[in-house]
Amino acid sequence: SVLTRDERCVEVLLSNGWDINERGDCGRTALHEAAKEGMLTMIRLLLKHNPNIDALDNYEKTPLIYGSHFERPFIIQELLEANADINKVDSVGAGAIYYASYEGHVETVKMLL
């Protein structure tokens, strides 16, 4: 439902006990997928239900790392305001700042510093 961008369906699932930290492909949670795809409204909806904001997928990437890698400034801001750990690194030792700088996302790097 997250990947189809169906917020109403996600809301129904959450109100009926769906585990917000359930993992799908590659160990990603709904929050990972929403951050990766730049779904701001979905991020806000998910954050209201207290997900594990620093959940690690199979590659040890967090939602913040995905937001930084794919240059999602509004997502990054929401995650930072929800106290995402900026110092988390993935399985190769790279974190949000590394991915943003590697991809040349100057404004994202500034947000993270």
N, C-alpha and C. Protein backbone atom coordinates (compact mmCIF):
# COMPACT_ATOMS: atom_id res chain seq x y z
N SER A 1 0.81 -1.20 0.00
CA SER A 1 0.00 0.00 0.00
C SER A 1 0.85 1.26 0.00
N VAL A 2 2.01 1.20 0.66
CA VAL A 2 2.89 2.37 0.66
C VAL A 2 3.38 2.63 -0.75
N LEU A 3 3.85 1.60 -1.43
CA LEU A 3 4.39 1.79 -2.78
C LEU A 3 3.34 2.22 -3.79
N THR A 4 2.08 1.93 -3.52
CA THR A 4 1.02 2.39 -4.42
C THR A 4 0.55 3.79 -4.04
N ARG A 5 1.16 4.33 -3.00
CA ARG A 5 0.86 5.69 -2.52
C ARG A 5 -0.59 5.83 -2.02
N ASP A 6 -1.13 4.76 -1.53
CA ASP A 6 -2.52 4.74 -1.07
C ASP A 6 -2.56 5.01 0.44
N GLU A 7 -2.58 6.30 0.78
CA GLU A 7 -2.54 6.69 2.19
C GLU A 7 -3.76 6.22 2.97
N ARG A 8 -4.89 6.24 2.33
CA ARG A 8 -6.11 5.80 3.03
C ARG A 8 -6.00 4.32 3.40
N CYS A 9 -5.51 3.52 2.50
CA CYS A 9 -5.34 2.09 2.77
C CYS A 9 -4.33 1.88 3.90
N VAL A 10 -3.24 2.63 3.88
CA VAL A 10 -2.23 2.52 4.94
C VAL A 10 -2.85 2.91 6.27
N GLU A 11 -3.65 3.97 6.29
CA GLU A 11 -4.31 4.40 7.52
C GLU A 11 -5.23 3.30 8.06
N VAL A 12 -5.98 2.65 7.18
CA VAL A 12 -6.86 1.55 7.60
C VAL A 12 -6.03 0.40 8.16
N LEU A 13 -4.96 0.06 7.48
CA LEU A 13 -4.09 -1.02 7.97
C LEU A 13 -3.53 -0.70 9.35
N LEU A 14 -3.05 0.54 9.51
CA LEU A 14 -2.48 0.95 10.80
C LEU A 14 -3.53 0.93 11.91
N SER A 15 -4.73 1.37 11.61
CA SER A 15 -5.78 1.39 12.64
C SER A 15 -6.28 -0.01 12.98
N ASN A 16 -5.93 -0.99 12.15
CA ASN A 16 -6.33 -2.37 12.41
C ASN A 16 -5.16 -3.24 12.86
N GLY A 17 -4.12 -2.59 13.38
CA GLY A 17 -3.04 -3.34 14.01
C GLY A 17 -1.88 -3.77 13.13
N TRP A 18 -1.80 -3.26 11.92
CA TRP A 18 -0.67 -3.59 11.05
C TRP A 18 0.63 -3.15 11.72
N ASP A 19 1.62 -4.01 11.69
CA ASP A 19 2.93 -3.72 12.27
C ASP A 19 3.68 -2.77 11.35
N ILE A 20 3.81 -1.53 11.79
CA ILE A 20 4.45 -0.49 10.98
C ILE A 20 5.91 -0.80 10.67
N ASN A 21 6.52 -1.66 11.47
CA ASN A 21 7.92 -2.02 11.25
C ASN A 21 8.10 -3.33 10.48
N GLU A 22 6.99 -3.84 9.93
CA GLU A 22 7.06 -5.06 9.12
C GLU A 22 8.02 -4.82 7.94
N ARG A 23 8.76 -5.86 7.61
CA ARG A 23 9.76 -5.72 6.55
C ARG A 23 9.33 -6.44 5.28
N GLY A 24 9.68 -5.83 4.17
CA GLY A 24 9.39 -6.42 2.87
C GLY A 24 10.68 -6.76 2.15
N ASP A 25 10.68 -6.49 0.86
CA ASP A 25 11.86 -6.77 0.04
C ASP A 25 13.10 -6.09 0.60
N CYS A 26 14.16 -6.81 0.62
CA CYS A 26 15.47 -6.31 1.08
C CYS A 26 15.44 -5.82 2.52
N GLY A 27 14.44 -6.24 3.28
CA GLY A 27 14.37 -5.88 4.69
C GLY A 27 13.91 -4.46 4.94
N ARG A 28 13.34 -3.81 3.92
CA ARG A 28 12.91 -2.42 4.08
C ARG A 28 11.53 -2.34 4.72
N THR A 29 11.36 -1.33 5.56
CA THR A 29 10.07 -1.04 6.18
C THR A 29 9.31 -0.05 5.29
N ALA A 30 8.08 0.23 5.67
CA ALA A 30 7.29 1.23 4.95
C ALA A 30 7.99 2.58 4.96
N LEU A 31 8.63 2.90 6.08
CA LEU A 31 9.33 4.18 6.18
C LEU A 31 10.51 4.25 5.21
N HIS A 32 11.25 3.15 5.06
CA HIS A 32 12.33 3.10 4.06
C HIS A 32 11.77 3.40 2.67
N GLU A 33 10.70 2.69 2.32
CA GLU A 33 10.12 2.83 0.97
C GLU A 33 9.61 4.24 0.73
N ALA A 34 8.94 4.82 1.70
CA ALA A 34 8.41 6.17 1.55
C ALA A 34 9.54 7.19 1.42
N ALA A 35 10.61 7.01 2.18
CA ALA A 35 11.76 7.91 2.09
C ALA A 35 12.44 7.78 0.74
N LYS A 36 12.63 6.57 0.30
CA LYS A 36 13.29 6.31 -0.98
C LYS A 36 12.50 6.91 -2.14
N GLU A 37 11.19 6.81 -2.08
CA GLU A 37 10.33 7.27 -3.17
C GLU A 37 9.90 8.73 -3.04
N GLY A 38 10.29 9.39 -1.94
CA GLY A 38 9.98 10.80 -1.76
C GLY A 38 8.52 11.09 -1.44
N MET A 39 7.88 10.22 -0.70
CA MET A 39 6.45 10.36 -0.37
C MET A 39 6.27 11.11 0.95
N LEU A 40 6.25 12.42 0.87
CA LEU A 40 6.20 13.25 2.07
C LEU A 40 4.93 13.02 2.89
N THR A 41 3.78 13.01 2.27
CA THR A 41 2.53 12.80 3.01
C THR A 41 2.54 11.44 3.70
N MET A 42 3.06 10.43 3.01
CA MET A 42 3.14 9.09 3.59
C MET A 42 4.10 9.08 4.78
N ILE A 43 5.23 9.77 4.65
CA ILE A 43 6.20 9.86 5.75
C ILE A 43 5.50 10.45 6.98
N ARG A 44 4.78 11.53 6.78
CA ARG A 44 4.09 12.18 7.90
C ARG A 44 3.08 11.24 8.55
N LEU A 45 2.34 10.52 7.72
CA LEU A 45 1.37 9.55 8.24
C LEU A 45 2.07 8.46 9.04
N LEU A 46 3.12 7.91 8.50
CA LEU A 46 3.84 6.83 9.19
C LEU A 46 4.46 7.32 10.49
N LEU A 47 5.02 8.52 10.49
CA LEU A 47 5.66 9.05 11.70
C LEU A 47 4.67 9.23 12.85
N LYS A 48 3.41 9.45 12.54
CA LYS A 48 2.38 9.57 13.59
C LYS A 48 2.18 8.26 14.36
N HIS A 49 2.65 7.16 13.78
CA HIS A 49 2.44 5.84 14.38
C HIS A 49 3.73 5.25 14.97
N ASN A 50 4.69 6.11 15.24
CA ASN A 50 5.93 5.74 15.94
C ASN A 50 6.70 4.55 15.34
N PRO A 51 7.09 4.67 14.08
CA PRO A 51 7.90 3.59 13.50
C PRO A 51 9.31 3.64 14.05
N ASN A 52 10.06 2.59 13.85
CA ASN A 52 11.48 2.60 14.19
C ASN A 52 12.15 3.48 13.14
N ILE A 53 12.42 4.71 13.51
CA ILE A 53 12.93 5.69 12.55
C ILE A 53 14.32 5.35 12.02
N ASP A 54 15.07 4.60 12.79
CA ASP A 54 16.43 4.22 12.39
C ASP A 54 16.53 2.75 12.02
N ALA A 55 15.43 2.17 11.58
CA ALA A 55 15.44 0.75 11.18
C ALA A 55 16.47 0.53 10.08
N LEU A 56 17.15 -0.60 10.17
CA LEU A 56 18.15 -0.97 9.17
C LEU A 56 17.58 -2.02 8.23
N ASP A 57 17.80 -1.83 6.94
CA ASP A 57 17.38 -2.86 5.99
C ASP A 57 18.50 -3.89 5.84
N ASN A 58 18.41 -4.76 4.87
CA ASN A 58 19.43 -5.80 4.69
C ASN A 58 20.82 -5.25 4.39
N TYR A 59 20.88 -4.00 3.94
CA TYR A 59 22.16 -3.36 3.63
C TYR A 59 22.56 -2.38 4.73
N GLU A 60 21.82 -2.42 5.83
CA GLU A 60 22.01 -1.56 7.00
C GLU A 60 21.76 -0.09 6.69
N LYS A 61 20.96 0.18 5.69
CA LYS A 61 20.59 1.56 5.36
C LYS A 61 19.34 1.95 6.16
N THR A 62 19.32 3.19 6.59
CA THR A 62 18.17 3.75 7.30
C THR A 62 17.30 4.55 6.32
N PRO A 63 16.10 4.90 6.73
CA PRO A 63 15.29 5.78 5.88
C PRO A 63 16.00 7.10 5.58
N LEU A 64 16.73 7.65 6.55
CA LEU A 64 17.46 8.90 6.33
C LEU A 64 18.53 8.72 5.25
N ILE A 65 19.21 7.60 5.25
CA ILE A 65 20.22 7.35 4.21
C ILE A 65 19.55 7.32 2.84
N TYR A 66 18.40 6.67 2.72
CA TYR A 66 17.69 6.65 1.43
C TYR A 66 17.26 8.06 1.03
N GLY A 67 16.73 8.82 1.95
CA GLY A 67 16.32 10.19 1.64
C GLY A 67 17.48 11.03 1.16
N SER A 68 18.64 10.83 1.75
CA SER A 68 19.84 11.59 1.37
C SER A 68 20.38 11.15 0.02
N HIS A 69 20.42 9.85 -0.19
CA HIS A 69 20.94 9.30 -1.44
C HIS A 69 20.12 9.76 -2.64
N PHE A 70 18.80 9.80 -2.47
CA PHE A 70 17.91 10.14 -3.58
C PHE A 70 17.46 11.60 -3.56
N GLU A 71 18.13 12.42 -2.76
CA GLU A 71 17.88 13.86 -2.65
C GLU A 71 16.41 14.17 -2.42
N ARG A 72 15.97 13.86 -1.22
CA ARG A 72 14.59 14.11 -0.81
C ARG A 72 14.61 15.09 0.37
N PRO A 73 14.87 16.41 0.12
CA PRO A 73 15.05 17.36 1.22
C PRO A 73 13.88 17.44 2.19
N PHE A 74 12.65 17.39 1.69
CA PHE A 74 11.50 17.49 2.60
C PHE A 74 11.38 16.25 3.48
N ILE A 75 11.75 15.12 2.92
CA ILE A 75 11.76 13.87 3.68
C ILE A 75 12.84 13.94 4.76
N ILE A 76 14.01 14.39 4.37
CA ILE A 76 15.13 14.51 5.30
C ILE A 76 14.74 15.40 6.47
N GLN A 77 14.11 16.54 6.17
CA GLN A 77 13.70 17.47 7.23
C GLN A 77 12.74 16.79 8.21
N GLU A 78 11.75 16.08 7.69
CA GLU A 78 10.79 15.38 8.55
C GLU A 78 11.49 14.34 9.43
N LEU A 79 12.40 13.58 8.83
CA LEU A 79 13.11 12.54 9.59
C LEU A 79 14.02 13.15 10.65
N LEU A 80 14.69 14.24 10.31
CA LEU A 80 15.55 14.91 11.30
C LEU A 80 14.72 15.46 12.45
N GLU A 81 13.57 16.05 12.13
CA GLU A 81 12.69 16.58 13.18
C GLU A 81 12.15 15.46 14.07
N ALA A 82 12.09 14.26 13.54
CA ALA A 82 11.63 13.10 14.32
C ALA A 82 12.81 12.38 15.00
N ASN A 83 13.96 13.04 15.00
CA ASN A 83 15.17 12.55 15.68
C ASN A 83 15.84 11.35 15.03
N ALA A 84 15.83 11.30 13.71
CA ALA A 84 16.59 10.25 13.02
C ALA A 84 18.07 10.43 13.34
N ASP A 85 18.78 9.34 13.50
CA ASP A 85 20.20 9.37 13.84
C ASP A 85 21.03 9.62 12.59
N ILE A 86 21.60 10.80 12.51
CA ILE A 86 22.39 11.20 11.35
C ILE A 86 23.72 10.46 11.26
N ASN A 87 24.13 9.84 12.34
CA ASN A 87 25.44 9.17 12.38
C ASN A 87 25.40 7.69 12.00
N LYS A 88 24.22 7.15 11.71
CA LYS A 88 24.13 5.74 11.31
C LYS A 88 24.83 5.55 9.97
N VAL A 89 25.51 4.42 9.84
CA VAL A 89 26.17 4.08 8.57
C VAL A 89 25.71 2.70 8.11
N ASP A 90 25.82 2.47 6.82
CA ASP A 90 25.37 1.20 6.26
C ASP A 90 26.47 0.15 6.28
N SER A 91 26.24 -0.94 5.59
CA SER A 91 27.17 -2.08 5.62
C SER A 91 28.53 -1.78 5.00
N VAL A 92 28.64 -0.70 4.24
CA VAL A 92 29.95 -0.33 3.68
C VAL A 92 30.55 0.88 4.40
N GLY A 93 29.91 1.28 5.51
CA GLY A 93 30.43 2.37 6.32
C GLY A 93 30.06 3.76 5.84
N ALA A 94 29.07 3.85 4.96
CA ALA A 94 28.65 5.15 4.42
C ALA A 94 27.34 5.57 5.07
N GLY A 95 27.24 6.86 5.37
CA GLY A 95 26.04 7.39 5.99
C GLY A 95 25.34 8.40 5.10
N ALA A 96 24.37 9.08 5.66
CA ALA A 96 23.56 10.04 4.91
C ALA A 96 24.41 11.14 4.27
N ILE A 97 25.35 11.69 5.02
CA ILE A 97 26.19 12.77 4.49
C ILE A 97 27.05 12.26 3.34
N TYR A 98 27.59 11.06 3.48
CA TYR A 98 28.41 10.49 2.41
C TYR A 98 27.60 10.39 1.11
N TYR A 99 26.42 9.78 1.19
CA TYR A 99 25.62 9.59 -0.03
C TYR A 99 25.21 10.91 -0.65
N ALA A 100 24.82 11.87 0.17
CA ALA A 100 24.43 13.17 -0.36
C ALA A 100 25.61 13.85 -1.06
N SER A 101 26.78 13.80 -0.45
CA SER A 101 27.95 14.44 -1.07
C SER A 101 28.41 13.68 -2.31
N TYR A 102 28.39 12.36 -2.26
CA TYR A 102 28.79 11.54 -3.41
C TYR A 102 27.91 11.82 -4.63
N GLU A 103 26.62 12.02 -4.39
CA GLU A 103 25.68 12.29 -5.48
C GLU A 103 25.66 13.76 -5.88
N GLY A 104 26.41 14.61 -5.16
CA GLY A 104 26.46 16.03 -5.49
C GLY A 104 25.25 16.82 -5.03
N HIS A 105 24.57 16.36 -4.01
CA HIS A 105 23.38 17.03 -3.49
C HIS A 105 23.80 18.06 -2.44
N VAL A 106 24.27 19.21 -2.91
CA VAL A 106 24.86 20.23 -2.03
C VAL A 106 23.89 20.69 -0.95
N GLU A 107 22.66 21.00 -1.32
CA GLU A 107 21.69 21.48 -0.34
C GLU A 107 21.38 20.42 0.72
N THR A 108 21.36 19.17 0.29
CA THR A 108 21.12 18.08 1.24
C THR A 108 22.27 17.98 2.23
N VAL A 109 23.49 18.10 1.73
CA VAL A 109 24.66 18.07 2.62
C VAL A 109 24.55 19.18 3.64
N LYS A 110 24.19 20.38 3.21
CA LYS A 110 24.05 21.52 4.13
C LYS A 110 23.02 21.22 5.22
N MET A 111 21.92 20.58 4.83
CA MET A 111 20.88 20.23 5.81
C MET A 111 21.41 19.28 6.87
N LEU A 112 22.29 18.39 6.45
CA LEU A 112 22.78 17.33 7.34
C LEU A 112 23.93 17.79 8.23
N LEU A 113 24.56 18.89 7.88
CA LEU A 113 25.70 19.37 8.69
C LEU A 113 25.26 20.18 9.88
